[in-house]
Amino acid sequence: AHFTSSTRQTPKIAELGEAGEEFEAELELKLLA
């Protein structure tokens, strides 16, 4: 439905969802004093 226009009234196009961010996070705790 997003791709409907005056020249393209019956689009058969649909997008895939994007992958979310994925990575190895490094956590480091520094005490607050």
All heavy atoms as atom14 arrays in JSON, in Angstrom:
{
  "sequence": "AHFTSSTRQTPKIAELGEAGEEFEAELELKLLA",
  "atom14_mask": [
    [1, 1, 1, 1, 1, 0, 0, 0, 0, 0, 0, 0, 0, 0],
    [1, 1, 1, 1, 1, 1, 1, 1, 1, 1, 0, 0, 0, 0],
    [1, 1, 1, 1, 1, 1, 1, 1, 1, 1, 1, 0, 0, 0],
    [1, 1, 1, 1, 1, 1, 1, 0, 0, 0, 0, 0, 0, 0],
    [1, 1, 1, 1, 1, 1, 0, 0, 0, 0, 0, 0, 0, 0],
    [1, 1, 1, 1, 1, 1, 0, 0, 0, 0, 0, 0, 0, 0],
    [1, 1, 1, 1, 1, 1, 1, 0, 0, 0, 0, 0, 0, 0],
    [1, 1, 1, 1, 1, 1, 1, 1, 1, 1, 1, 0, 0, 0],
    [1, 1, 1, 1, 1, 1, 1, 1, 1, 0, 0, 0, 0, 0],
    [1, 1, 1, 1, 1, 1, 1, 0, 0, 0, 0, 0, 0, 0],
    [1, 1, 1, 1, 1, 1, 1, 0, 0, 0, 0, 0, 0, 0],
    [1, 1, 1, 1, 1, 1, 1, 1, 1, 0, 0, 0, 0, 0],
    [1, 1, 1, 1, 1, 1, 1, 1, 0, 0, 0, 0, 0, 0],
    [1, 1, 1, 1, 1, 0, 0, 0, 0, 0, 0, 0, 0, 0],
    [1, 1, 1, 1, 1, 1, 1, 1, 1, 0, 0, 0, 0, 0],
    [1, 1, 1, 1, 1, 1, 1, 1, 0, 0, 0, 0, 0, 0],
    [1, 1, 1, 1, 0, 0, 0, 0, 0, 0, 0, 0, 0, 0],
    [1, 1, 1, 1, 1, 1, 1, 1, 1, 0, 0, 0, 0, 0],
    [1, 1, 1, 1, 1, 0, 0, 0, 0, 0, 0, 0, 0, 0],
    [1, 1, 1, 1, 0, 0, 0, 0, 0, 0, 0, 0, 0, 0],
    [1, 1, 1, 1, 1, 1, 1, 1, 1, 0, 0, 0, 0, 0],
    [1, 1, 1, 1, 1, 1, 1, 1, 1, 0, 0, 0, 0, 0],
    [1, 1, 1, 1, 1, 1, 1, 1, 1, 1, 1, 0, 0, 0],
    [1, 1, 1, 1, 1, 1, 1, 1, 1, 0, 0, 0, 0, 0],
    [1, 1, 1, 1, 1, 0, 0, 0, 0, 0, 0, 0, 0, 0],
    [1, 1, 1, 1, 1, 1, 1, 1, 1, 0, 0, 0, 0, 0],
    [1, 1, 1, 1, 1, 1, 1, 1, 0, 0, 0, 0, 0, 0],
    [1, 1, 1, 1, 1, 1, 1, 1, 1, 0, 0, 0, 0, 0],
    [1, 1, 1, 1, 1, 1, 1, 1, 0, 0, 0, 0, 0, 0],
    [1, 1, 1, 1, 1, 1, 1, 1, 1, 0, 0, 0, 0, 0],
    [1, 1, 1, 1, 1, 1, 1, 1, 0, 0, 0, 0, 0, 0],
    [1, 1, 1, 1, 1, 1, 1, 1, 0, 0, 0, 0, 0, 0],
    [1, 1, 1, 1, 1, 0, 0, 0, 0, 0, 0, 0, 0, 0]
  ],
  "atom14_positions": [
    [[0.83, -1.21, 0.0], [0.0, 0.0, 0.0], [0.87, 1.26, 0.0], [0.45, 2.32, -0.48], [-0.93, -0.01, 1.21], [0.0, 0.0, 0.0], [0.0, 0.0, 0.0], [0.0, 0.0, 0.0], [0.0, 0.0, 0.0], [0.0, 0.0, 0.0], [0.0, 0.0, 0.0], [0.0, 0.0, 0.0], [0.0, 0.0, 0.0], [0.0, 0.0, 0.0]],
    [[2.08, 1.13, 0.54], [2.99, 2.28, 0.63], [3.47, 2.73, -0.75], [3.82, 3.9, -0.94], [4.2, 1.9, 1.5], [5.22, 2.98, 1.64], [5.15, 3.95, 2.61], [6.34, 3.26, 0.91], [6.18, 4.77, 2.49], [6.92, 4.38, 1.47], [0.0, 0.0, 0.0], [0.0, 0.0, 0.0], [0.0, 0.0, 0.0], [0.0, 0.0, 0.0]],
    [[3.49, 1.83, -1.71], [4.09, 2.12, -3.02], [3.06, 2.52, -4.08], [3.39, 2.61, -5.26], [4.89, 0.9, -3.5], [6.0, 0.53, -2.57], [5.87, -0.56, -1.72], [7.16, 1.28, -2.51], [6.89, -0.9, -0.84], [8.18, 0.95, -1.64], [8.05, -0.14, -0.8], [0.0, 0.0, 0.0], [0.0, 0.0, 0.0], [0.0, 0.0, 0.0]],
    [[1.82, 2.76, -3.67], [0.79, 3.17, -4.62], [1.06, 4.59, -5.12], [1.39, 5.48, -4.33], [-0.6, 3.13, -3.96], [-0.81, 1.83, -3.41], [-1.69, 3.44, -4.96], [0.0, 0.0, 0.0], [0.0, 0.0, 0.0], [0.0, 0.0, 0.0], [0.0, 0.0, 0.0], [0.0, 0.0, 0.0], [0.0, 0.0, 0.0], [0.0, 0.0, 0.0]],
    [[0.93, 4.79, -6.41], [1.07, 6.13, -6.99], [0.14, 6.23, -8.19], [-0.54, 5.26, -8.56], [2.52, 6.37, -7.42], [2.86, 5.53, -8.51], [0.0, 0.0, 0.0], [0.0, 0.0, 0.0], [0.0, 0.0, 0.0], [0.0, 0.0, 0.0], [0.0, 0.0, 0.0], [0.0, 0.0, 0.0], [0.0, 0.0, 0.0], [0.0, 0.0, 0.0]],
    [[0.14, 7.39, -8.81], [-0.75, 7.59, -9.96], [-0.35, 6.71, -11.14], [-1.19, 6.36, -11.98], [-0.74, 9.07, -10.39], [0.59, 9.45, -10.73], [0.0, 0.0, 0.0], [0.0, 0.0, 0.0], [0.0, 0.0, 0.0], [0.0, 0.0, 0.0], [0.0, 0.0, 0.0], [0.0, 0.0, 0.0], [0.0, 0.0, 0.0], [0.0, 0.0, 0.0]],
    [[0.92, 6.37, -11.22], [1.39, 5.54, -12.33], [1.58, 4.07, -11.92], [1.83, 3.23, -12.77], [2.73, 6.08, -12.88], [3.69, 6.1, -11.81], [2.54, 7.49, -13.42], [0.0, 0.0, 0.0], [0.0, 0.0, 0.0], [0.0, 0.0, 0.0], [0.0, 0.0, 0.0], [0.0, 0.0, 0.0], [0.0, 0.0, 0.0], [0.0, 0.0, 0.0]],
    [[1.51, 3.8, -10.62], [1.69, 2.42, -10.15], [0.54, 2.13, -9.18], [0.65, 2.34, -7.98], [3.05, 2.29, -9.47], [3.38, 0.87, -9.06], [4.84, 0.74, -8.67], [5.23, 1.74, -7.67], [6.47, 2.02, -7.31], [7.47, 1.41, -7.92], [6.73, 2.94, -6.39], [0.0, 0.0, 0.0], [0.0, 0.0, 0.0], [0.0, 0.0, 0.0]],
    [[-0.58, 1.64, -9.75], [-1.79, 1.5, -8.94], [-1.95, 0.11, -8.33], [-2.75, -0.07, -7.43], [-3.02, 1.85, -9.8], [-2.99, 3.3, -10.28], [-4.24, 3.68, -11.05], [-5.2, 2.91, -11.12], [-4.24, 4.87, -11.64], [0.0, 0.0, 0.0], [0.0, 0.0, 0.0], [0.0, 0.0, 0.0], [0.0, 0.0, 0.0], [0.0, 0.0, 0.0]],
    [[-1.2, -0.85, -8.84], [-1.3, -2.21, -8.28], [0.09, -2.77, -7.99], [0.51, -3.77, -8.57], [-2.04, -3.15, -9.23], [-1.36, -3.17, -10.5], [-3.49, -2.73, -9.41], [0.0, 0.0, 0.0], [0.0, 0.0, 0.0], [0.0, 0.0, 0.0], [0.0, 0.0, 0.0], [0.0, 0.0, 0.0], [0.0, 0.0, 0.0], [0.0, 0.0, 0.0]],
    [[0.86, -2.09, -7.12], [2.22, -2.58, -6.84], [2.2, -3.93, -6.13], [1.35, -4.19, -5.28], [2.79, -1.49, -5.93], [1.6, -0.88, -5.27], [0.52, -0.92, -6.3], [0.0, 0.0, 0.0], [0.0, 0.0, 0.0], [0.0, 0.0, 0.0], [0.0, 0.0, 0.0], [0.0, 0.0, 0.0], [0.0, 0.0, 0.0], [0.0, 0.0, 0.0]],
    [[3.12, -4.76, -6.51], [3.27, -6.06, -5.86], [4.61, -6.13, -5.12], [5.29, -7.13, -5.08], [3.2, -7.18, -6.9], [1.85, -7.26, -7.6], [1.83, -8.36, -8.63], [0.48, -8.42, -9.36], [0.46, -9.49, -10.38], [0.0, 0.0, 0.0], [0.0, 0.0, 0.0], [0.0, 0.0, 0.0], [0.0, 0.0, 0.0], [0.0, 0.0, 0.0]],
    [[4.96, -4.99, -4.55], [6.24, -4.85, -3.85], [6.0, -4.75, -2.35], [5.12, -4.01, -1.9], [6.98, -3.58, -4.31], [7.23, -3.63, -5.82], [8.29, -3.4, -3.55], [7.74, -2.31, -6.38], [0.0, 0.0, 0.0], [0.0, 0.0, 0.0], [0.0, 0.0, 0.0], [0.0, 0.0, 0.0], [0.0, 0.0, 0.0], [0.0, 0.0, 0.0]],
    [[6.76, -5.47, -1.57], [6.75, -5.33, -0.11], [8.18, -5.52, 0.39], [8.92, -6.35, -0.13], [5.83, -6.36, 0.54], [0.0, 0.0, 0.0], [0.0, 0.0, 0.0], [0.0, 0.0, 0.0], [0.0, 0.0, 0.0], [0.0, 0.0, 0.0], [0.0, 0.0, 0.0], [0.0, 0.0, 0.0], [0.0, 0.0, 0.0], [0.0, 0.0, 0.0]],
    [[8.55, -4.72, 1.35], [9.92, -4.78, 1.87], [10.04, -5.76, 3.04], [9.07, -6.0, 3.78], [10.36, -3.4, 2.35], [10.54, -2.39, 1.25], [11.03, -1.06, 1.8], [10.65, -0.71, 2.94], [11.79, -0.38, 1.09], [0.0, 0.0, 0.0], [0.0, 0.0, 0.0], [0.0, 0.0, 0.0], [0.0, 0.0, 0.0], [0.0, 0.0, 0.0]],
    [[11.25, -6.26, 3.21], [11.57, -7.06, 4.4], [11.9, -6.12, 5.56], [12.35, -4.99, 5.36], [12.78, -7.96, 4.12], [12.64, -8.97, 2.98], [13.96, -9.71, 2.8], [11.51, -9.95, 3.26], [0.0, 0.0, 0.0], [0.0, 0.0, 0.0], [0.0, 0.0, 0.0], [0.0, 0.0, 0.0], [0.0, 0.0, 0.0], [0.0, 0.0, 0.0]],
    [[11.71, -6.6, 6.76], [12.14, -5.84, 7.93], [13.65, -5.89, 8.07], [14.29, -6.88, 7.71], [0.0, 0.0, 0.0], [0.0, 0.0, 0.0], [0.0, 0.0, 0.0], [0.0, 0.0, 0.0], [0.0, 0.0, 0.0], [0.0, 0.0, 0.0], [0.0, 0.0, 0.0], [0.0, 0.0, 0.0], [0.0, 0.0, 0.0], [0.0, 0.0, 0.0]],
    [[14.24, -4.81, 8.57], [15.68, -4.77, 8.77], [16.06, -5.53, 10.03], [15.32, -5.54, 11.03], [16.17, -3.34, 8.9], [16.35, -2.61, 7.59], [17.12, -1.33, 7.79], [18.36, -1.37, 7.75], [16.48, -0.29, 8.03], [0.0, 0.0, 0.0], [0.0, 0.0, 0.0], [0.0, 0.0, 0.0], [0.0, 0.0, 0.0], [0.0, 0.0, 0.0]],
    [[17.25, -6.12, 9.99], [17.77, -6.77, 11.2], [18.13, -5.7, 12.23], [18.54, -4.59, 11.87], [19.01, -7.6, 10.86], [0.0, 0.0, 0.0], [0.0, 0.0, 0.0], [0.0, 0.0, 0.0], [0.0, 0.0, 0.0], [0.0, 0.0, 0.0], [0.0, 0.0, 0.0], [0.0, 0.0, 0.0], [0.0, 0.0, 0.0], [0.0, 0.0, 0.0]],
    [[17.93, -6.01, 13.5], [18.34, -5.1, 14.55], [19.85, -5.16, 14.73], [20.53, -6.04, 14.21], [0.0, 0.0, 0.0], [0.0, 0.0, 0.0], [0.0, 0.0, 0.0], [0.0, 0.0, 0.0], [0.0, 0.0, 0.0], [0.0, 0.0, 0.0], [0.0, 0.0, 0.0], [0.0, 0.0, 0.0], [0.0, 0.0, 0.0], [0.0, 0.0, 0.0]],
    [[20.39, -4.2, 15.46], [21.83, -4.19, 15.72], [22.22, -5.42, 16.53], [21.52, -5.81, 17.47], [22.22, -2.93, 16.47], [22.12, -1.66, 15.64], [22.61, -0.44, 16.37], [22.06, -0.16, 17.46], [23.53, 0.23, 15.9], [0.0, 0.0, 0.0], [0.0, 0.0, 0.0], [0.0, 0.0, 0.0], [0.0, 0.0, 0.0], [0.0, 0.0, 0.0]],
    [[23.34, -6.0, 16.18], [23.83, -7.19, 16.88], [25.34, -7.09, 17.03], [26.05, -6.88, 16.05], [23.46, -8.46, 16.09], [24.0, -9.74, 16.71], [23.63, -10.97, 15.91], [22.62, -10.93, 15.19], [24.36, -11.98, 16.0], [0.0, 0.0, 0.0], [0.0, 0.0, 0.0], [0.0, 0.0, 0.0], [0.0, 0.0, 0.0], [0.0, 0.0, 0.0]],
    [[25.83, -7.21, 18.25], [27.27, -7.15, 18.49], [27.57, -7.65, 19.91], [26.66, -7.83, 20.72], [27.79, -5.71, 18.33], [27.16, -4.71, 19.27], [27.74, -4.39, 20.5], [25.98, -4.07, 18.93], [27.16, -3.48, 21.36], [25.38, -3.15, 19.78], [25.97, -2.86, 21.0], [0.0, 0.0, 0.0], [0.0, 0.0, 0.0], [0.0, 0.0, 0.0]],
    [[28.83, -7.87, 20.17], [29.25, -8.27, 21.51], [29.59, -7.02, 22.31], [30.51, -6.28, 21.96], [30.48, -9.2, 21.46], [30.88, -9.72, 22.83], [32.06, -10.67, 22.78], [33.16, -10.23, 22.37], [31.91, -11.85, 23.13], [0.0, 0.0, 0.0], [0.0, 0.0, 0.0], [0.0, 0.0, 0.0], [0.0, 0.0, 0.0], [0.0, 0.0, 0.0]],
    [[28.83, -6.78, 23.34], [29.05, -5.6, 24.19], [30.0, -5.96, 25.32], [29.9, -7.02, 25.93], [27.72, -5.11, 24.75], [0.0, 0.0, 0.0], [0.0, 0.0, 0.0], [0.0, 0.0, 0.0], [0.0, 0.0, 0.0], [0.0, 0.0, 0.0], [0.0, 0.0, 0.0], [0.0, 0.0, 0.0], [0.0, 0.0, 0.0], [0.0, 0.0, 0.0]],
    [[30.93, -5.05, 25.58], [31.86, -5.22, 26.7], [31.37, -4.32, 27.83], [31.24, -3.11, 27.67], [33.27, -4.82, 26.27], [33.78, -5.53, 25.02], [34.92, -4.78, 24.38], [35.8, -4.28, 25.11], [34.92, -4.69, 23.14], [0.0, 0.0, 0.0], [0.0, 0.0, 0.0], [0.0, 0.0, 0.0], [0.0, 0.0, 0.0], [0.0, 0.0, 0.0]],
    [[31.12, -4.93, 28.98], [30.64, -4.18, 30.15], [31.75, -4.05, 31.17], [32.47, -5.01, 31.46], [29.44, -4.88, 30.77], [28.29, -5.27, 29.84], [27.14, -5.87, 30.64], [27.82, -4.09, 29.04], [0.0, 0.0, 0.0], [0.0, 0.0, 0.0], [0.0, 0.0, 0.0], [0.0, 0.0, 0.0], [0.0, 0.0, 0.0], [0.0, 0.0, 0.0]],
    [[31.88, -2.86, 31.7], [32.91, -2.6, 32.71], [32.3, -1.76, 33.82], [31.72, -0.71, 33.56], [34.09, -1.87, 32.06], [35.25, -1.58, 33.0], [36.4, -0.89, 32.29], [36.62, -1.17, 31.1], [37.07, -0.05, 32.93], [0.0, 0.0, 0.0], [0.0, 0.0, 0.0], [0.0, 0.0, 0.0], [0.0, 0.0, 0.0], [0.0, 0.0, 0.0]],
    [[32.41, -2.24, 35.03], [31.84, -1.54, 36.18], [32.93, -0.74, 36.88], [33.98, -1.27, 37.24], [31.22, -2.54, 37.15], [30.68, -1.96, 38.47], [29.6, -0.92, 38.22], [30.16, -3.08, 39.37], [0.0, 0.0, 0.0], [0.0, 0.0, 0.0], [0.0, 0.0, 0.0], [0.0, 0.0, 0.0], [0.0, 0.0, 0.0], [0.0, 0.0, 0.0]],
    [[32.67, 0.57, 37.04], [33.55, 1.44, 37.82], [32.72, 2.01, 38.96], [31.78, 2.77, 38.71], [34.11, 2.57, 36.95], [35.06, 2.12, 35.85], [35.62, 3.31, 35.1], [36.59, 2.88, 34.01], [37.18, 4.04, 33.3], [0.0, 0.0, 0.0], [0.0, 0.0, 0.0], [0.0, 0.0, 0.0], [0.0, 0.0, 0.0], [0.0, 0.0, 0.0]],
    [[33.06, 1.62, 40.17], [32.28, 2.07, 41.32], [32.26, 3.6, 41.39], [33.25, 4.27, 41.09], [32.86, 1.5, 42.61], [32.82, -0.03, 42.75], [33.43, -0.44, 44.08], [31.4, -0.55, 42.63], [0.0, 0.0, 0.0], [0.0, 0.0, 0.0], [0.0, 0.0, 0.0], [0.0, 0.0, 0.0], [0.0, 0.0, 0.0], [0.0, 0.0, 0.0]],
    [[31.13, 4.14, 41.81], [30.98, 5.58, 41.97], [31.2, 5.93, 43.44], [30.4, 5.56, 44.3], [29.58, 6.01, 41.53], [29.26, 5.78, 40.06], [27.79, 6.06, 39.78], [30.13, 6.66, 39.19], [0.0, 0.0, 0.0], [0.0, 0.0, 0.0], [0.0, 0.0, 0.0], [0.0, 0.0, 0.0], [0.0, 0.0, 0.0], [0.0, 0.0, 0.0]],
    [[32.29, 6.59, 43.75], [32.61, 6.95, 45.12], [33.24, 8.33, 45.15], [33.74, 8.84, 44.13], [33.55, 5.91, 45.74], [0.0, 0.0, 0.0], [0.0, 0.0, 0.0], [0.0, 0.0, 0.0], [0.0, 0.0, 0.0], [0.0, 0.0, 0.0], [0.0, 0.0, 0.0], [0.0, 0.0, 0.0], [0.0, 0.0, 0.0], [0.0, 0.0, 0.0]]
  ]
}
